[in-house]
C-alpha atoms as a PDB file:
ATOM      1  CA  MET A   1       0.552 -15.076 -13.247  1.00  0.00           C
ATOM      2  CA  LYS A   2      -0.166 -11.642 -13.058  1.00  0.00           C
ATOM      3  CA  THR A   3      -0.715 -10.157  -9.492  1.00  0.00           C
ATOM      4  CA  ALA A   4      -1.950  -6.952  -8.700  1.00  0.00           C
ATOM      5  CA  LEU A   5      -0.364  -5.143  -5.679  1.00  0.00           C
ATOM      6  CA  LEU A   6      -1.957  -2.483  -3.547  1.00  0.00           C
ATOM      7  CA  ALA A   7      -0.864  -0.316  -0.491  1.00  0.00           C
ATOM      8  CA  ASP A   8      -1.981   2.073   1.427  1.00  0.00           C
ATOM      9  CA  LEU A   9      -5.825   1.878   0.780  1.00  0.00           C
ATOM     10  CA  HIS A  10      -6.141   4.549   3.854  1.00  0.00           C
ATOM     11  CA  ALA A  11     -10.144   3.556   4.356  1.00  0.00           C
ATOM     12  CA  ASN A  12     -10.715   5.061   0.818  1.00  0.00           C
ATOM     13  CA  ARG A  13     -13.795   2.740  -0.838  1.00  0.00           C
ATOM     14  CA  GLU A  14     -13.842   5.103  -3.805  1.00  0.00           C
ATOM     15  CA  ALA A  15     -10.083   5.334  -4.743  1.00  0.00           C
ATOM     16  CA  VAL A  16     -10.030   0.759  -3.973  1.00  0.00           C
ATOM     17  CA  GLU A  17     -12.782   0.279  -5.358  1.00  0.00           C
ATOM     18  CA  ALA A  18     -11.626   1.918  -8.684  1.00  0.00           C
ATOM     19  CA  VAL A  19      -8.822   0.260  -8.228  1.00  0.00           C
ATOM     20  CA  LEU A  20     -10.502  -3.104  -8.632  1.00  0.00           C
ATOM     21  CA  ASP A  21     -12.030  -3.119 -10.980  1.00  0.00           C
ATOM     22  CA  HIS A  22      -9.149  -1.099 -13.012  1.00  0.00           C
ATOM     23  CA  ALA A  23      -7.179  -4.377 -11.861  1.00  0.00           C
ATOM     24  CA  ARG A  24      -9.770  -6.714 -12.738  1.00  0.00           C
ATOM     25  CA  ALA A  25     -10.151  -5.374 -16.460  1.00  0.00           C
ATOM     26  CA  GLN A  26      -6.167  -6.367 -17.043  1.00  0.00           C
ATOM     27  CA  GLY A  27      -6.525  -9.558 -16.509  1.00  0.00           C
ATOM     28  CA  VAL A  28      -5.437  -9.698 -12.499  1.00  0.00           C
ATOM     29  CA  GLN A  29      -5.000 -13.839 -10.988  1.00  0.00           C
ATOM     30  CA  SER A  30      -3.970 -12.638  -7.477  1.00  0.00           C
ATOM     31  CA  TRP A  31      -3.657  -9.561  -4.968  1.00  0.00           C
ATOM     32  CA  VAL A  32      -1.482  -8.292  -2.377  1.00  0.00           C
ATOM     33  CA  LEU A  33      -2.158  -5.971  -0.212  1.00  0.00           C
ATOM     34  CA  LEU A  34       0.287  -4.151   1.466  1.00  0.00           C
ATOM     35  CA  GLY A  35      -0.874  -2.013   4.350  1.00  0.00           C
ATOM     36  CA  ASP A  36      -2.048   0.765   5.883  1.00  0.00           C
ATOM     37  CA  PHE A  37      -5.758  -0.365   5.226  1.00  0.00           C
ATOM     38  CA  VAL A  38      -7.209   2.140   8.022  1.00  0.00           C
ATOM     39  CA  GLY A  39      -6.717   5.846   8.549  1.00  0.00           C
ATOM     40  CA  TYR A  40      -7.345   9.394   7.096  1.00  0.00           C
ATOM     41  CA  GLY A  41     -10.231   7.917   5.007  1.00  0.00           C
ATOM     42  CA  ALA A  42     -13.776   7.637   6.218  1.00  0.00           C
ATOM     43  CA  ASP A  43     -14.941   3.959   5.304  1.00  0.00           C
ATOM     44  CA  PRO A  44     -12.402   1.547   7.424  1.00  0.00           C
ATOM     45  CA  GLY A  45     -14.923  -1.307   7.509  1.00  0.00           C
ATOM     46  CA  TRP A  46     -15.845  -1.685   4.284  1.00  0.00           C
ATOM     47  CA  VAL A  47     -12.310  -1.081   2.818  1.00  0.00           C
ATOM     48  CA  ILE A  48     -11.466  -4.098   5.877  1.00  0.00           C
ATOM     49  CA  ASP A  49     -13.802  -6.294   4.815  1.00  0.00           C
ATOM     50  CA  THR A  50     -13.020  -6.388   0.944  1.00  0.00           C
ATOM     51  CA  VAL A  51      -9.400  -7.061   1.900  1.00  0.00           C
ATOM     52  CA  ARG A  52     -11.028  -9.862   4.272  1.00  0.00           C
ATOM     53  CA  GLU A  53     -12.871 -11.138   1.274  1.00  0.00           C
ATOM     54  CA  LEU A  54      -9.878 -11.046  -1.315  1.00  0.00           C
ATOM     55  CA  MET A  55      -8.154 -12.761   1.107  1.00  0.00           C
ATOM     56  CA  ALA A  56     -10.674 -15.950   1.406  1.00  0.00           C
ATOM     57  CA  GLY A  57     -10.149 -16.230  -2.260  1.00  0.00           C
ATOM     58  CA  GLY A  58      -6.234 -16.880  -1.912  1.00  0.00           C
ATOM     59  CA  ALA A  59      -5.033 -12.877  -1.827  1.00  0.00           C
ATOM     60  CA  LEU A  60      -1.838 -11.994   0.578  1.00  0.00           C
ATOM     61  CA  ALA A  61      -1.994  -9.157   2.848  1.00  0.00           C
ATOM     62  CA  VAL A  62       0.442  -7.974   5.430  1.00  0.00           C
ATOM     63  CA  GLN A  63       0.103  -5.442   8.721  1.00  0.00           C
ATOM     64  CA  GLY A  64       0.994  -1.376   8.098  1.00  0.00           C
ATOM     65  CA  ASN A  65       1.817   1.318  10.686  1.00  0.00           C
ATOM     66  CA  HIS A  66      -2.212   2.497  10.739  1.00  0.00           C
ATOM     67  CA  ASP A  67      -3.464  -0.807  11.016  1.00  0.00           C
ATOM     68  CA  LEU A  68      -1.307  -1.655  13.902  1.00  0.00           C
ATOM     69  CA  GLY A  69      -2.094   1.712  15.467  1.00  0.00           C
ATOM     70  CA  VAL A  70      -6.214   1.380  14.886  1.00  0.00           C
ATOM     71  CA  ALA A  71      -6.037  -2.480  16.261  1.00  0.00           C
ATOM     72  CA  ARG A  72      -3.971  -1.266  19.718  1.00  0.00           C
ATOM     73  CA  GLY A  73      -5.896   1.815  20.343  1.00  0.00           C
ATOM     74  CA  ALA A  74      -3.797   5.657  20.374  1.00  0.00           C
ATOM     75  CA  SER A  75      -1.328   6.027  22.337  1.00  0.00           C
ATOM     76  CA  PRO A  76      -1.719   9.451  25.044  1.00  0.00           C
ATOM     77  CA  HIS A  77       1.425  10.938  23.974  1.00  0.00           C
ATOM     78  CA  MET A  78      -0.185  11.195  20.583  1.00  0.00           C
ATOM     79  CA  ARG A  79      -0.886  14.692  18.868  1.00  0.00           C
ATOM     80  CA  PRO A  80      -4.110  15.245  19.108  1.00  0.00           C
ATOM     81  CA  GLU A  81      -4.926  14.997  15.448  1.00  0.00           C
ATOM     82  CA  PRO A  82      -3.466  11.212  14.918  1.00  0.00           C
ATOM     83  CA  ARG A  83      -5.367  10.487  18.204  1.00  0.00           C
ATOM     84  CA  PHE A  84      -8.822  11.683  17.186  1.00  0.00           C
ATOM     85  CA  VAL A  85      -8.248   9.800  13.877  1.00  0.00           C
ATOM     86  CA  ILE A  86      -7.498   6.648  15.538  1.00  0.00           C
ATOM     87  CA  GLU A  87     -10.346   6.977  18.054  1.00  0.00           C
ATOM     88  CA  TRP A  88     -12.923   7.602  15.497  1.00  0.00           C
ATOM     89  CA  THR A  89     -11.320   4.527  13.392  1.00  0.00           C
ATOM     90  CA  ARG A  90     -11.691   2.404  16.183  1.00  0.00           C
ATOM     91  CA  SER A  91     -15.338   3.714  16.486  1.00  0.00           C
ATOM     92  CA  GLN A  92     -16.379   2.570  13.361  1.00  0.00           C
ATOM     93  CA  LEU A  93     -15.053  -1.352  13.736  1.00  0.00           C
ATOM     94  CA  ASN A  94     -16.440  -4.173  15.149  1.00  0.00           C
ATOM     95  CA  PRO A  95     -14.248  -6.363  17.308  1.00  0.00           C
ATOM     96  CA  SER A  96     -14.324  -8.944  14.842  1.00  0.00           C
ATOM     97  CA  GLN A  97     -12.187  -6.430  11.980  1.00  0.00           C
ATOM     98  CA  ILE A  98      -9.954  -4.633  14.645  1.00  0.00           C
ATOM     99  CA  ASP A  99      -8.863  -8.596  15.434  1.00  0.00           C
ATOM    100  CA  PHE A 100      -7.838  -8.616  12.001  1.00  0.00           C
ATOM    101  CA  LEU A 101      -6.015  -6.160  11.985  1.00  0.00           C
ATOM    102  CA  ASP A 102      -3.842  -7.078  14.478  1.00  0.00           C
ATOM    103  CA  SER A 103      -4.061 -10.629  13.559  1.00  0.00           C
ATOM    104  CA  LEU A 104      -1.873  -9.631  10.167  1.00  0.00           C
ATOM    105  CA  PRO A 105       1.623 -10.718   9.631  1.00  0.00           C
ATOM    106  CA  LEU A 106       4.446  -8.116   9.265  1.00  0.00           C
ATOM    107  CA  THR A 107       6.060 -10.023   6.116  1.00  0.00           C
ATOM    108  CA  ALA A 108       4.736 -12.838   3.153  1.00  0.00           C
ATOM    109  CA  GLU A 109       6.944 -14.792   1.276  1.00  0.00           C
ATOM    110  CA  ARG A 110       5.964 -16.063  -2.055  1.00  0.00           C
ATOM    111  CA  GLY A 111       8.523 -18.573  -3.888  1.00  0.00           C
ATOM    112  CA  ASP A 112      11.227 -15.579  -4.596  1.00  0.00           C
ATOM    113  CA  GLN A 113       8.849 -12.428  -3.383  1.00  0.00           C
ATOM    114  CA  LEU A 114       8.499 -10.719  -0.459  1.00  0.00           C
ATOM    115  CA  PHE A 115       5.855  -8.792   0.437  1.00  0.00           C
ATOM    116  CA  VAL A 116       6.277  -6.126   3.463  1.00  0.00           C
ATOM    117  CA  HIS A 117       4.841  -3.007   4.725  1.00  0.00           C
ATOM    118  CA  ALA A 118       7.841  -0.732   4.815  1.00  0.00           C
ATOM    119  CA  ASN A 119      11.132  -1.975   4.426  1.00  0.00           C
ATOM    120  CA  ALA A 120      12.983  -5.599   4.876  1.00  0.00           C
ATOM    121  CA  TRP A 121      15.338  -4.888   6.779  1.00  0.00           C
ATOM    122  CA  ALA A 122      13.623  -4.068  10.531  1.00  0.00           C
ATOM    123  CA  PRO A 123       9.450  -4.256   9.555  1.00  0.00           C
ATOM    124  CA  ALA A 124       8.714  -3.192  12.917  1.00  0.00           C
ATOM    125  CA  ALA A 125      10.173  -0.013  13.012  1.00  0.00           C
ATOM    126  CA  TRP A 126       8.467   1.202  10.133  1.00  0.00           C
ATOM    127  CA  ASP A 127      11.370   2.838   8.709  1.00  0.00           C
ATOM    128  CA  TYR A 128      10.710   4.684   5.323  1.00  0.00           C
ATOM    129  CA  ILE A 129      12.399   4.023   1.844  1.00  0.00           C
ATOM    130  CA  GLN A 130      12.893   7.368   0.975  1.00  0.00           C
ATOM    131  CA  GLY A 131      16.044   7.059  -1.700  1.00  0.00           C
ATOM    132  CA  ARG A 132      18.611   4.341  -2.935  1.00  0.00           C
ATOM    133  CA  MET A 133      20.128   3.983  -0.040  1.00  0.00           C
ATOM    134  CA  GLU A 134      17.396   2.795   2.142  1.00  0.00           C
ATOM    135  CA  ALA A 135      16.430   0.447  -1.071  1.00  0.00           C
ATOM    136  CA  VAL A 136      19.473  -1.199  -0.882  1.00  0.00           C
ATOM    137  CA  ARG A 137      19.608  -1.236   2.610  1.00  0.00           C
ATOM    138  CA  SER A 138      16.050  -3.033   2.264  1.00  0.00           C
ATOM    139  CA  MET A 139      17.251  -5.367  -0.816  1.00  0.00           C
ATOM    140  CA  HIS A 140      20.580  -6.183   1.643  1.00  0.00           C
ATOM    141  CA  ALA A 141      18.056  -7.865   4.093  1.00  0.00           C
ATOM    142  CA  THR A 142      16.892 -10.450   1.922  1.00  0.00           C
ATOM    143  CA  GLY A 143      17.765 -13.190  -0.209  1.00  0.00           C
ATOM    144  CA  CYS A 144      14.202 -12.601  -2.575  1.00  0.00           C
ATOM    145  CA  ARG A 145      14.826 -11.409  -5.844  1.00  0.00           C
ATOM    146  CA  TYR A 146      11.824  -8.908  -5.640  1.00  0.00           C
ATOM    147  CA  THR A 147      10.179  -7.297  -2.789  1.00  0.00           C
ATOM    148  CA  PHE A 148       7.292  -5.011  -2.797  1.00  0.00           C
ATOM    149  CA  CYS A 149       6.633  -2.684  -0.145  1.00  0.00           C
ATOM    150  CA  GLY A 150       4.225   0.163   0.313  1.00  0.00           C
ATOM    151  CA  HIS A 151       4.818   3.154   3.033  1.00  0.00           C
ATOM    152  CA  MET A 152       6.383   5.081   0.414  1.00  0.00           C
ATOM    153  CA  HIS A 153       2.886   6.975  -1.005  1.00  0.00           C
ATOM    154  CA  GLU A 154       4.922   7.943  -4.132  1.00  0.00           C
ATOM    155  CA  PRO A 155       5.691   5.447  -6.850  1.00  0.00           C
ATOM    156  CA  ARG A 156       8.800   3.807  -7.109  1.00  0.00           C
ATOM    157  CA  LEU A 157      11.298   1.166  -8.473  1.00  0.00           C
ATOM    158  CA  TYR A 158      14.428   0.091  -7.421  1.00  0.00           C
ATOM    159  CA  HIS A 159      17.305  -2.311  -8.764  1.00  0.00           C
ATOM    160  CA  LEU A 160      20.619  -3.726  -7.805  1.00  0.00           C
ATOM    161  CA  SER A 161      23.211  -5.863  -9.235  1.00  0.00           C
ATOM    162  CA  GLY A 162      25.641  -9.040  -8.290  1.00  0.00           C
ATOM    163  CA  THR A 163      27.899  -6.641  -8.680  1.00  0.00           C
ATOM    164  CA  GLY A 164      26.362  -4.018  -6.461  1.00  0.00           C
ATOM    165  CA  LYS A 165      25.416  -1.212  -9.057  1.00  0.00           C
ATOM    166  CA  ALA A 166      22.281   0.370  -7.115  1.00  0.00           C
ATOM    167  CA  GLY A 167      19.601   1.912  -9.385  1.00  0.00           C
ATOM    168  CA  GLU A 168      16.412   3.838  -9.365  1.00  0.00           C
ATOM    169  CA  PHE A 169      12.963   4.901 -11.591  1.00  0.00           C
ATOM    170  CA  VAL A 170       9.780   7.013 -11.399  1.00  0.00           C
ATOM    171  CA  PRO A 171       7.836   4.549 -13.312  1.00  0.00           C
ATOM    172  CA  THR A 172       5.704   5.971 -16.389  1.00  0.00           C
ATOM    173  CA  PRO A 173       2.288   4.577 -16.201  1.00  0.00           C
ATOM    174  CA  GLY A 174       0.654   1.827 -18.337  1.00  0.00           C
ATOM    175  CA  VAL A 175       4.624   0.958 -19.291  1.00  0.00           C
ATOM    176  CA  PRO A 176       5.288  -2.531 -18.776  1.00  0.00           C
ATOM    177  CA  ILE A 177       8.775  -2.789 -17.255  1.00  0.00           C
ATOM    178  CA  PRO A 178      11.160  -5.750 -17.246  1.00  0.00           C
ATOM    179  CA  VAL A 179      12.433  -6.750 -14.429  1.00  0.00           C
ATOM    180  CA  PRO A 180      14.572  -9.866 -15.147  1.00  0.00           C
ATOM    181  CA  ALA A 181      15.691 -12.146 -12.116  1.00  0.00           C
ATOM    182  CA  HIS A 182      19.349 -11.238 -12.428  1.00  0.00           C
ATOM    183  CA  ARG A 183      18.712  -8.526 -10.425  1.00  0.00           C
ATOM    184  CA  GLN A 184      17.561  -8.185  -7.276  1.00  0.00           C
ATOM    185  CA  TRP A 185      14.244  -5.381  -7.458  1.00  0.00           C
ATOM    186  CA  LEU A 186      12.095  -3.370  -4.984  1.00  0.00           C
ATOM    187  CA  VAL A 187       8.692  -2.213  -5.918  1.00  0.00           C
ATOM    188  CA  ILE A 188       6.939   0.262  -4.512  1.00  0.00           C
ATOM    189  CA  PRO A 189       3.647   0.747  -5.963  1.00  0.00           C
ATOM    190  CA  GLY A 190       2.320   3.883  -4.628  1.00  0.00           C
ATOM    191  CA  SER A 191      -0.556   4.875  -2.341  1.00  0.00           C
ATOM    192  CA  ALA A 192      -4.082   3.139  -3.993  1.00  0.00           C
ATOM    193  CA  GLY A 193      -5.776   5.547  -0.833  1.00  0.00           C
ATOM    194  CA  GLN A 194      -4.011   8.509  -0.750  1.00  0.00           C
ATOM    195  CA  PRO A 195      -1.457   9.362  -3.421  1.00  0.00           C
ATOM    196  CA  ARG A 196       1.505  12.183  -2.549  1.00  0.00           C
ATOM    197  CA  ASP A 197       3.112  12.507  -5.467  1.00  0.00           C
ATOM    198  CA  GLY A 198       1.198  15.609  -7.038  1.00  0.00           C
ATOM    199  CA  ASN A 199      -1.196  13.503  -9.111  1.00  0.00           C
ATOM    200  CA  PRO A 200      -4.660  12.232  -7.447  1.00  0.00           C
ATOM    201  CA  ALA A 201      -5.205   9.353  -9.261  1.00  0.00           C
ATOM    202  CA  ALA A 202      -4.862   6.260  -7.381  1.00  0.00           C
ATOM    203  CA  CYS A 203      -2.187   3.658  -7.662  1.00  0.00           C
ATOM    204  CA  TYR A 204      -0.984   0.208  -7.937  1.00  0.00           C
ATOM    205  CA  ALA A 205       1.500  -1.888  -9.647  1.00  0.00           C
ATOM    206  CA  MET A 206       0.823  -5.207 -11.809  1.00  0.00           C
ATOM    207  CA  PHE A 207       4.011  -8.162 -11.903  1.00  0.00           C
ATOM    208  CA  ASP A 208       3.562 -10.614 -14.002  1.00  0.00           C
ATOM    209  CA  ASP A 209       6.326 -13.403 -13.308  1.00  0.00           C
ATOM    210  CA  GLU A 210       5.836 -14.943 -16.204  1.00  0.00           C
ATOM    211  CA  ALA A 211       6.826 -11.606 -18.443  1.00  0.00           C
ATOM    212  CA  ALA A 212       9.107 -10.638 -15.857  1.00  0.00           C
ATOM    213  CA  THR A 213       7.684  -7.036 -15.870  1.00  0.00           C
ATOM    214  CA  VAL A 214       6.100  -5.070 -13.308  1.00  0.00           C
ATOM    215  CA  THR A 215       3.220  -2.258 -14.987  1.00  0.00           C
ATOM    216  CA  TYR A 216       2.304   0.806 -12.841  1.00  0.00           C
ATOM    217  CA  HIS A 217      -1.174   1.918 -13.307  1.00  0.00           C
ATOM    218  CA  ARG A 218      -2.600   5.348 -12.227  1.00  0.00           C
ATOM    219  CA  VAL A 219      -6.871   5.463 -12.004  1.00  0.00           C
ATOM    220  CA  PRO A 220      -8.933   8.184 -11.706  1.00  0.00           C
ATOM    221  CA  TYR A 221     -11.486   7.859  -9.064  1.00  0.00           C
ATOM    222  CA  ASP A 222     -14.132  10.102  -7.575  1.00  0.00           C
ATOM    223  CA  HIS A 223     -11.834  11.928  -4.920  1.00  0.00           C
ATOM    224  CA  ASP A 224     -14.686  14.672  -4.909  1.00  0.00           C
ATOM    225  CA  THR A 225     -16.906  11.840  -2.547  1.00  0.00           C
ATOM    226  CA  ALA A 226     -14.313  10.438  -0.871  1.00  0.00           C
ATOM    227  CA  GLY A 227     -13.492  13.965   0.545  1.00  0.00           C
ATOM    228  CA  ALA A 228     -16.992  15.150   1.205  1.00  0.00           C
ATOM    229  CA  LYS A 229     -17.201  11.799   3.407  1.00  0.00           C
ATOM    230  CA  ILE A 230     -14.295  12.691   5.302  1.00  0.00           C
ATOM    231  CA  LEU A 231     -15.936  15.796   5.761  1.00  0.00           C
ATOM    232  CA  ALA A 232     -19.396  14.232   6.724  1.00  0.00           C
ATOM    233  CA  ALA A 233     -17.377  12.530   9.581  1.00  0.00           C
ATOM    234  CA  ALA A 234     -15.813  15.512  11.435  1.00  0.00           C
ATOM    235  CA  LEU A 235     -12.672  14.122  10.339  1.00  0.00           C
ATOM    236  CA  PRO A 236     -10.097  16.532   9.848  1.00  0.00           C
ATOM    237  CA  GLN A 237     -10.655  18.797   6.680  1.00  0.00           C
ATOM    238  CA  ARG A 238      -6.813  18.499   5.592  1.00  0.00           C
ATOM    239  CA  LEU A 239      -7.312  14.607   4.850  1.00  0.00           C
ATOM    240  CA  ALA A 240      -9.982  15.958   2.348  1.00  0.00           C
ATOM    241  CA  LEU A 241      -8.001  18.538   0.852  1.00  0.00           C
ATOM    242  CA  ARG A 242      -4.554  15.897   0.247  1.00  0.00           C
ATOM    243  CA  LEU A 243      -7.675  13.593  -2.348  1.00  0.00           C
ATOM    244  CA  GLU A 244      -7.817  16.782  -4.203  1.00  0.00           C
ATOM    245  CA  ASP A 245      -4.158  17.397  -5.498  1.00  0.00           C
ATOM    246  CA  GLY A 246      -2.810  14.041  -4.552  1.00  0.00           C
ATOM    247  CA  GLU A 247      -0.338  16.154  -1.434  1.00  0.00           C
END
């Protein structure tokens, strides 16, 4: 079965539409959404409704830190900019959409696959997997053969052998990578809505459990329109500029 994995959609309608169209053209058979559906972008309601529609068709979804922040509301101790973005986002959502964000699970499992936004060792603490050390810690925290997570906005792939030897890759888009089950694997597909590796094209990954391969994809999209919507909403200008250069 081919499963498309999308993370960090961040209310970016143009990017998400492009990724969904691309995945469907690749023959996707199931969907997993790895959290952070809101924050930064100008279309939080549309992205939430799209995620809910996919879930109605059998997709799995987990909660990200931005989803929780918007669901619970801004803390008075937050810096002014993130507080403003959270309050603006909440003002665009109806109670049902906010309840949906609040109700999302931190993790989901399917067979030997674990899905989580940040990491497997402490999902609610939102610590980042910044390199091999954190990736190994995450893989040690689960008995699942495959872990898929977001939070880091750059695509990465890690593996751990039965003897404890770890490795990592920066994947080449469009090239299927064998991920045999005699190792553990940690897949970070990158951000669909706000890439940060210097490439503005949207990220997602396709996992084929029958072929035991994962393929990372980059999908160009209309980031000018997405950025213009951010500016029109009077959200911080830097959130629009980030989409231009993928930083």
